[in-house]
Amino acid sequence: MCESKVYLETAEGEQLVLEDVTSIRPENEGYRLVNLFGQQVHVRCRIKDIDLLKHRIVMEPIVGEPATQEQSESVQ
C-alpha cells in the first residue's frame, strides 16, 4: 500500500494530522489532504520532508503564520 501519515511539526513535537493519506493537492495557500476513506483536511503550512520509504510526510508552519487545519466532509 502507498498510503502515508502526515505530521505537523510544532514546538511540542510532531502532531499527527491524518493517516492513510493517498492524495496531497496544493490549494489556497496550503494543501488539501485526502485519505483512503475520503476524509479531507486542509492545512495551511509547507512541506518540510517526504520519506516515501517510511510512508511519512512532515509539514511545518509558514514562517510568521500559525499552521491551521480545517476538516472537510468526506468525498464519496
PDB file of N, CA and C in Angstrom:
ATOM      1  N   MET A   1       0.844  -1.181   0.000  1.00  0.00           N
ATOM      2  CA  MET A   1       0.000   0.000   0.000  1.00  0.00           C
ATOM      3  C   MET A   1       0.887   1.241   0.000  1.00  0.00           C
ATOM      4  N   CYS A   2       0.361   2.319  -0.534  1.00  0.00           N
ATOM      5  CA  CYS A   2       1.156   3.535  -0.684  1.00  0.00           C
ATOM      6  C   CYS A   2       0.646   4.693   0.163  1.00  0.00           C
ATOM      7  N   GLU A   3      -0.168   4.418   1.154  1.00  0.00           N
ATOM      8  CA  GLU A   3      -0.693   5.492   1.978  1.00  0.00           C
ATOM      9  C   GLU A   3       0.403   5.988   2.921  1.00  0.00           C
ATOM     10  N   SER A   4       0.282   7.249   3.320  1.00  0.00           N
ATOM     11  CA  SER A   4       1.256   7.849   4.228  1.00  0.00           C
ATOM     12  C   SER A   4       0.555   8.506   5.404  1.00  0.00           C
ATOM     13  N   LYS A   5       1.329   8.781   6.431  1.00  0.00           N
ATOM     14  CA  LYS A   5       0.858   9.572   7.565  1.00  0.00           C
ATOM     15  C   LYS A   5       1.444  10.973   7.405  1.00  0.00           C
ATOM     16  N   VAL A   6       0.621  11.986   7.689  1.00  0.00           N
ATOM     17  CA  VAL A   6       1.081  13.364   7.606  1.00  0.00           C
ATOM     18  C   VAL A   6       1.139  13.927   9.020  1.00  0.00           C
ATOM     19  N   TYR A   7       2.279  14.523   9.345  1.00  0.00           N
ATOM     20  CA  TYR A   7       2.507  15.117  10.658  1.00  0.00           C
ATOM     21  C   TYR A   7       2.747  16.606  10.506  1.00  0.00           C
ATOM     22  N   LEU A   8       2.368  17.370  11.521  1.00  0.00           N
ATOM     23  CA  LEU A   8       2.645  18.795  11.593  1.00  0.00           C
ATOM     24  C   LEU A   8       3.675  19.015  12.690  1.00  0.00           C
ATOM     25  N   GLU A   9       4.765  19.654  12.347  1.00  0.00           N
ATOM     26  CA  GLU A   9       5.814  19.941  13.328  1.00  0.00           C
ATOM     27  C   GLU A   9       5.390  21.136  14.177  1.00  0.00           C
ATOM     28  N   THR A  10       5.407  20.947  15.500  1.00  0.00           N
ATOM     29  CA  THR A  10       5.050  22.013  16.433  1.00  0.00           C
ATOM     30  C   THR A  10       6.182  22.176  17.446  1.00  0.00           C
ATOM     31  N   ALA A  11       6.069  23.157  18.304  1.00  0.00           N
ATOM     32  CA  ALA A  11       7.077  23.375  19.349  1.00  0.00           C
ATOM     33  C   ALA A  11       7.136  22.183  20.299  1.00  0.00           C
ATOM     34  N   GLU A  12       6.017  21.478  20.459  1.00  0.00           N
ATOM     35  CA  GLU A  12       5.948  20.335  21.369  1.00  0.00           C
ATOM     36  C   GLU A  12       6.392  19.029  20.702  1.00  0.00           C
ATOM     37  N   GLY A  13       6.615  19.038  19.411  1.00  0.00           N
ATOM     38  CA  GLY A  13       6.971  17.828  18.676  1.00  0.00           C
ATOM     39  C   GLY A  13       6.082  17.668  17.463  1.00  0.00           C
ATOM     40  N   GLU A  14       6.010  16.478  16.935  1.00  0.00           N
ATOM     41  CA  GLU A  14       5.190  16.234  15.759  1.00  0.00           C
ATOM     42  C   GLU A  14       3.788  15.775  16.150  1.00  0.00           C
ATOM     43  N   GLN A  15       2.804  16.372  15.491  1.00  0.00           N
ATOM     44  CA  GLN A  15       1.401  16.062  15.753  1.00  0.00           C
ATOM     45  C   GLN A  15       0.824  15.390  14.507  1.00  0.00           C
ATOM     46  N   LEU A  16       0.189  14.240  14.679  1.00  0.00           N
ATOM     47  CA  LEU A  16      -0.424  13.536  13.557  1.00  0.00           C
ATOM     48  C   LEU A  16      -1.615  14.339  13.037  1.00  0.00           C
ATOM     49  N   VAL A  17      -1.625  14.605  11.738  1.00  0.00           N
ATOM     50  CA  VAL A  17      -2.718  15.345  11.113  1.00  0.00           C
ATOM     51  C   VAL A  17      -3.720  14.377  10.496  1.00  0.00           C
ATOM     52  N   LEU A  18      -3.218  13.400   9.721  1.00  0.00           N
ATOM     53  CA  LEU A  18      -4.111  12.483   9.028  1.00  0.00           C
ATOM     54  C   LEU A  18      -3.345  11.214   8.655  1.00  0.00           C
ATOM     55  N   GLU A  19      -4.009  10.072   8.812  1.00  0.00           N
ATOM     56  CA  GLU A  19      -3.429   8.788   8.435  1.00  0.00           C
ATOM     57  C   GLU A  19      -4.002   8.318   7.109  1.00  0.00           C
ATOM     58  N   ASP A  20      -3.332   7.366   6.491  1.00  0.00           N
ATOM     59  CA  ASP A  20      -3.781   6.734   5.241  1.00  0.00           C
ATOM     60  C   ASP A  20      -3.998   7.748   4.125  1.00  0.00           C
ATOM     61  N   VAL A  21      -3.113   8.756   4.038  1.00  0.00           N
ATOM     62  CA  VAL A  21      -3.229   9.805   3.028  1.00  0.00           C
ATOM     63  C   VAL A  21      -2.838   9.244   1.665  1.00  0.00           C
ATOM     64  N   THR A  22      -3.717   9.466   0.693  1.00  0.00           N
ATOM     65  CA  THR A  22      -3.477   8.988  -0.669  1.00  0.00           C
ATOM     66  C   THR A  22      -3.301  10.133  -1.661  1.00  0.00           C
ATOM     67  N   SER A  23      -3.659  11.356  -1.246  1.00  0.00           N
ATOM     68  CA  SER A  23      -3.582  12.498  -2.161  1.00  0.00           C
ATOM     69  C   SER A  23      -3.235  13.767  -1.391  1.00  0.00           C
ATOM     70  N   ILE A  24      -2.313  14.538  -1.951  1.00  0.00           N
ATOM     71  CA  ILE A  24      -1.957  15.857  -1.415  1.00  0.00           C
ATOM     72  C   ILE A  24      -2.017  16.819  -2.595  1.00  0.00           C
ATOM     73  N   ARG A  25      -2.883  17.828  -2.483  1.00  0.00           N
ATOM     74  CA  ARG A  25      -3.059  18.793  -3.575  1.00  0.00           C
ATOM     75  C   ARG A  25      -2.806  20.207  -3.065  1.00  0.00           C
ATOM     76  N   PRO A  26      -2.001  21.002  -3.795  1.00  0.00           N
ATOM     77  CA  PRO A  26      -1.843  22.408  -3.417  1.00  0.00           C
ATOM     78  C   PRO A  26      -3.183  23.114  -3.557  1.00  0.00           C
ATOM     79  N   GLU A  27      -3.539  23.922  -2.548  1.00  0.00           N
ATOM     80  CA  GLU A  27      -4.839  24.591  -2.577  1.00  0.00           C
ATOM     81  C   GLU A  27      -4.858  25.746  -1.583  1.00  0.00           C
ATOM     82  N   ASN A  28      -5.231  26.923  -2.035  1.00  0.00           N
ATOM     83  CA  ASN A  28      -5.454  28.088  -1.164  1.00  0.00           C
ATOM     84  C   ASN A  28      -4.356  28.281  -0.123  1.00  0.00           C
ATOM     85  N   GLU A  29      -3.134  28.511  -0.580  1.00  0.00           N
ATOM     86  CA  GLU A  29      -2.003  28.781   0.313  1.00  0.00           C
ATOM     87  C   GLU A  29      -1.751  27.647   1.298  1.00  0.00           C
ATOM     88  N   GLY A  30      -1.973  26.444   0.877  1.00  0.00           N
ATOM     89  CA  GLY A  30      -1.753  25.281   1.721  1.00  0.00           C
ATOM     90  C   GLY A  30      -1.953  24.028   0.906  1.00  0.00           C
ATOM     91  N   TYR A  31      -2.391  22.976   1.566  1.00  0.00           N
ATOM     92  CA  TYR A  31      -2.583  21.687   0.902  1.00  0.00           C
ATOM     93  C   TYR A  31      -3.875  21.034   1.358  1.00  0.00           C
ATOM     94  N   ARG A  32      -4.530  20.347   0.432  1.00  0.00           N
ATOM     95  CA  ARG A  32      -5.698  19.525   0.745  1.00  0.00           C
ATOM     96  C   ARG A  32      -5.205  18.085   0.817  1.00  0.00           C
ATOM     97  N   LEU A  33      -5.384  17.471   1.998  1.00  0.00           N
ATOM     98  CA  LEU A  33      -5.009  16.078   2.213  1.00  0.00           C
ATOM     99  C   LEU A  33      -6.267  15.241   2.135  1.00  0.00           C
ATOM    100  N   VAL A  34      -6.203  14.135   1.418  1.00  0.00           N
ATOM    101  CA  VAL A  34      -7.340  13.228   1.308  1.00  0.00           C
ATOM    102  C   VAL A  34      -6.836  11.829   1.632  1.00  0.00           C
ATOM    103  N   ASN A  35      -7.573  11.127   2.506  1.00  0.00           N
ATOM    104  CA  ASN A  35      -7.124   9.777   2.851  1.00  0.00           C
ATOM    105  C   ASN A  35      -7.923   8.710   2.115  1.00  0.00           C
ATOM    106  N   LEU A  36      -7.567   7.474   2.365  1.00  0.00           N
ATOM    107  CA  LEU A  36      -8.160   6.318   1.704  1.00  0.00           C
ATOM    108  C   LEU A  36      -9.673   6.244   1.884  1.00  0.00           C
ATOM    109  N   PHE A  37     -10.182   6.812   2.975  1.00  0.00           N
ATOM    110  CA  PHE A  37     -11.605   6.750   3.303  1.00  0.00           C
ATOM    111  C   PHE A  37     -12.362   8.002   2.885  1.00  0.00           C
ATOM    112  N   GLY A  38     -11.690   8.918   2.176  1.00  0.00           N
ATOM    113  CA  GLY A  38     -12.339  10.123   1.688  1.00  0.00           C
ATOM    114  C   GLY A  38     -12.319  11.289   2.648  1.00  0.00           C
ATOM    115  N   GLN A  39     -11.773  11.107   3.840  1.00  0.00           N
ATOM    116  CA  GLN A  39     -11.684  12.212   4.794  1.00  0.00           C
ATOM    117  C   GLN A  39     -10.703  13.240   4.247  1.00  0.00           C
ATOM    118  N   GLN A  40     -11.063  14.524   4.377  1.00  0.00           N
ATOM    119  CA  GLN A  40     -10.241  15.599   3.849  1.00  0.00           C
ATOM    120  C   GLN A  40      -9.857  16.570   4.946  1.00  0.00           C
ATOM    121  N   VAL A  41      -8.627  17.080   4.859  1.00  0.00           N
ATOM    122  CA  VAL A  41      -8.148  18.107   5.781  1.00  0.00           C
ATOM    123  C   VAL A  41      -7.382  19.127   4.943  1.00  0.00           C
ATOM    124  N   HIS A  42      -7.665  20.413   5.167  1.00  0.00           N
ATOM    125  CA  HIS A  42      -6.878  21.476   4.537  1.00  0.00           C
ATOM    126  C   HIS A  42      -5.909  22.002   5.580  1.00  0.00           C
ATOM    127  N   VAL A  43      -4.615  22.011   5.241  1.00  0.00           N
ATOM    128  CA  VAL A  43      -3.605  22.539   6.157  1.00  0.00           C
ATOM    129  C   VAL A  43      -2.919  23.723   5.511  1.00  0.00           C
ATOM    130  N   ARG A  44      -2.752  24.767   6.298  1.00  0.00           N
ATOM    131  CA  ARG A  44      -2.047  25.947   5.820  1.00  0.00           C
ATOM    132  C   ARG A  44      -0.639  25.878   6.407  1.00  0.00           C
ATOM    133  N   CYS A  45       0.266  25.309   5.644  1.00  0.00           N
ATOM    134  CA  CYS A  45       1.646  25.123   6.069  1.00  0.00           C
ATOM    135  C   CYS A  45       2.456  24.752   4.837  1.00  0.00           C
ATOM    136  N   ARG A  46       3.715  24.379   5.043  1.00  0.00           N
ATOM    137  CA  ARG A  46       4.543  23.969   3.910  1.00  0.00           C
ATOM    138  C   ARG A  46       5.135  22.591   4.189  1.00  0.00           C
ATOM    139  N   ILE A  47       5.497  21.906   3.139  1.00  0.00           N
ATOM    140  CA  ILE A  47       6.083  20.576   3.273  1.00  0.00           C
ATOM    141  C   ILE A  47       7.541  20.723   3.685  1.00  0.00           C
ATOM    142  N   LYS A  48       7.918  20.027   4.738  1.00  0.00           N
ATOM    143  CA  LYS A  48       9.296  20.044   5.221  1.00  0.00           C
ATOM    144  C   LYS A  48      10.053  18.810   4.745  1.00  0.00           C
ATOM    145  N   ASP A  49       9.410  17.630   4.823  1.00  0.00           N
ATOM    146  CA  ASP A  49      10.104  16.389   4.497  1.00  0.00           C
ATOM    147  C   ASP A  49       9.115  15.342   4.005  1.00  0.00           C
ATOM    148  N   ILE A  50       9.519  14.598   2.995  1.00  0.00           N
ATOM    149  CA  ILE A  50       8.739  13.473   2.498  1.00  0.00           C
ATOM    150  C   ILE A  50       9.652  12.255   2.486  1.00  0.00           C
ATOM    151  N   ASP A  51       9.272  11.220   3.199  1.00  0.00           N
ATOM    152  CA  ASP A  51      10.020   9.963   3.215  1.00  0.00           C
ATOM    153  C   ASP A  51       9.070   8.868   2.739  1.00  0.00           C
ATOM    154  N   LEU A  52       9.147   8.544   1.466  1.00  0.00           N
ATOM    155  CA  LEU A  52       8.214   7.583   0.880  1.00  0.00           C
ATOM    156  C   LEU A  52       8.480   6.156   1.351  1.00  0.00           C
ATOM    157  N   LEU A  53       9.720   5.844   1.705  1.00  0.00           N
ATOM    158  CA  LEU A  53      10.010   4.512   2.221  1.00  0.00           C
ATOM    159  C   LEU A  53       9.340   4.272   3.567  1.00  0.00           C
ATOM    160  N   LYS A  54       9.257   5.343   4.388  1.00  0.00           N
ATOM    161  CA  LYS A  54       8.627   5.230   5.708  1.00  0.00           C
ATOM    162  C   LYS A  54       7.164   5.654   5.676  1.00  0.00           C
ATOM    163  N   HIS A  55       6.663   6.052   4.502  1.00  0.00           N
ATOM    164  CA  HIS A  55       5.264   6.483   4.353  1.00  0.00           C
ATOM    165  C   HIS A  55       4.966   7.635   5.318  1.00  0.00           C
ATOM    166  N   ARG A  56       5.833   8.643   5.313  1.00  0.00           N
ATOM    167  CA  ARG A  56       5.781   9.716   6.307  1.00  0.00           C
ATOM    168  C   ARG A  56       6.028  11.060   5.639  1.00  0.00           C
ATOM    169  N   ILE A  57       5.140  12.023   5.914  1.00  0.00           N
ATOM    170  CA  ILE A  57       5.273  13.378   5.391  1.00  0.00           C
ATOM    171  C   ILE A  57       5.193  14.330   6.567  1.00  0.00           C
ATOM    172  N   VAL A  58       6.168  15.230   6.659  1.00  0.00           N
ATOM    173  CA  VAL A  58       6.206  16.203   7.752  1.00  0.00           C
ATOM    174  C   VAL A  58       5.994  17.588   7.167  1.00  0.00           C
ATOM    175  N   MET A  59       5.072  18.337   7.777  1.00  0.00           N
ATOM    176  CA  MET A  59       4.800  19.707   7.361  1.00  0.00           C
ATOM    177  C   MET A  59       5.168  20.639   8.498  1.00  0.00           C
ATOM    178  N   GLU A  60       5.431  21.894   8.160  1.00  0.00           N
ATOM    179  CA  GLU A  60       5.775  22.879   9.170  1.00  0.00           C
ATOM    180  C   GLU A  60       5.049  24.184   8.872  1.00  0.00           C
ATOM    181  N   PRO A  61       4.830  24.988   9.912  1.00  0.00           N
ATOM    182  CA  PRO A  61       4.146  26.268   9.706  1.00  0.00           C
ATOM    183  C   PRO A  61       4.939  27.172   8.764  1.00  0.00           C
ATOM    184  N   ILE A  62       4.235  28.005   8.036  1.00  0.00           N
ATOM    185  CA  ILE A  62       4.872  29.026   7.210  1.00  0.00           C
ATOM    186  C   ILE A  62       5.413  30.081   8.163  1.00  0.00           C
ATOM    187  N   VAL A  63       6.641  30.536   7.957  1.00  0.00           N
ATOM    188  CA  VAL A  63       7.274  31.497   8.857  1.00  0.00           C
ATOM    189  C   VAL A  63       6.387  32.730   9.029  1.00  0.00           C
ATOM    190  N   GLY A  64       6.114  33.079  10.275  1.00  0.00           N
ATOM    191  CA  GLY A  64       5.307  34.242  10.587  1.00  0.00           C
ATOM    192  C   GLY A  64       3.812  33.989  10.607  1.00  0.00           C
ATOM    193  N   GLU A  65       3.394  32.765  10.329  1.00  0.00           N
ATOM    194  CA  GLU A  65       1.975  32.434  10.325  1.00  0.00           C
ATOM    195  C   GLU A  65       1.742  31.166  11.137  1.00  0.00           C
ATOM    196  N   PRO A  66       0.639  31.093  11.846  1.00  0.00           N
ATOM    197  CA  PRO A  66       0.319  29.839  12.540  1.00  0.00           C
ATOM    198  C   PRO A  66      -0.174  28.795  11.533  1.00  0.00           C
ATOM    199  N   ALA A  67       0.175  27.547  11.766  1.00  0.00           N
ATOM    200  CA  ALA A  67      -0.352  26.469  10.919  1.00  0.00           C
ATOM    201  C   ALA A  67      -1.805  26.234  11.297  1.00  0.00           C
ATOM    202  N   THR A  68      -2.656  26.066  10.323  1.00  0.00           N
ATOM    203  CA  THR A  68      -4.070  25.831  10.607  1.00  0.00           C
ATOM    204  C   THR A  68      -4.520  24.558   9.918  1.00  0.00           C
ATOM    205  N   GLN A  69      -5.549  23.947  10.481  1.00  0.00           N
ATOM    206  CA  GLN A  69      -6.135  22.731   9.917  1.00  0.00           C
ATOM    207  C   GLN A  69      -7.649  22.909   9.869  1.00  0.00           C
ATOM    208  N   GLU A  70      -8.240  22.529   8.761  1.00  0.00           N
ATOM    209  CA  GLU A  70      -9.696  22.554   8.620  1.00  0.00           C
ATOM    210  C   GLU A  70     -10.136  21.210   8.075  1.00  0.00           C
ATOM    211  N   GLN A  71     -11.063  20.562   8.750  1.00  0.00           N
ATOM    212  CA  GLN A  71     -11.601  19.289   8.268  1.00  0.00           C
ATOM    213  C   GLN A  71     -12.742  19.562   7.309  1.00  0.00           C
ATOM    214  N   SER A  72     -12.845  18.739   6.286  1.00  0.00           N
ATOM    215  CA  SER A  72     -13.927  18.831   5.316  1.00  0.00           C
ATOM    216  C   SER A  72     -14.708  17.543   5.327  1.00  0.00           C
ATOM    217  N   GLU A  73     -15.855  17.568   4.704  1.00  0.00           N
ATOM    218  CA  GLU A  73     -16.675  16.359   4.617  1.00  0.00           C
ATOM    219  C   GLU A  73     -15.980  15.349   3.713  1.00  0.00           C
ATOM    220  N   SER A  74     -16.300  14.102   3.921  1.00  0.00           N
ATOM    221  CA  SER A  74     -15.722  13.015   3.141  1.00  0.00           C
ATOM    222  C   SER A  74     -16.179  13.077   1.693  1.00  0.00           C
ATOM    223  N   VAL A  75     -15.299  12.639   0.817  1.00  0.00           N
ATOM    224  CA  VAL A  75     -15.611  12.527  -0.593  1.00  0.00           C
ATOM    225  C   VAL A  75     -16.214  11.154  -0.825  1.00  0.00           C
ATOM    226  N   GLN A  76     -17.273  11.063  -1.558  1.00  0.00           N
ATOM    227  CA  GLN A  76     -17.903   9.763  -1.838  1.00  0.00           C
ATOM    228  C   GLN A  76     -17.611   9.329  -3.233  1.00  0.00           C
TER     229      GLN A  76
END
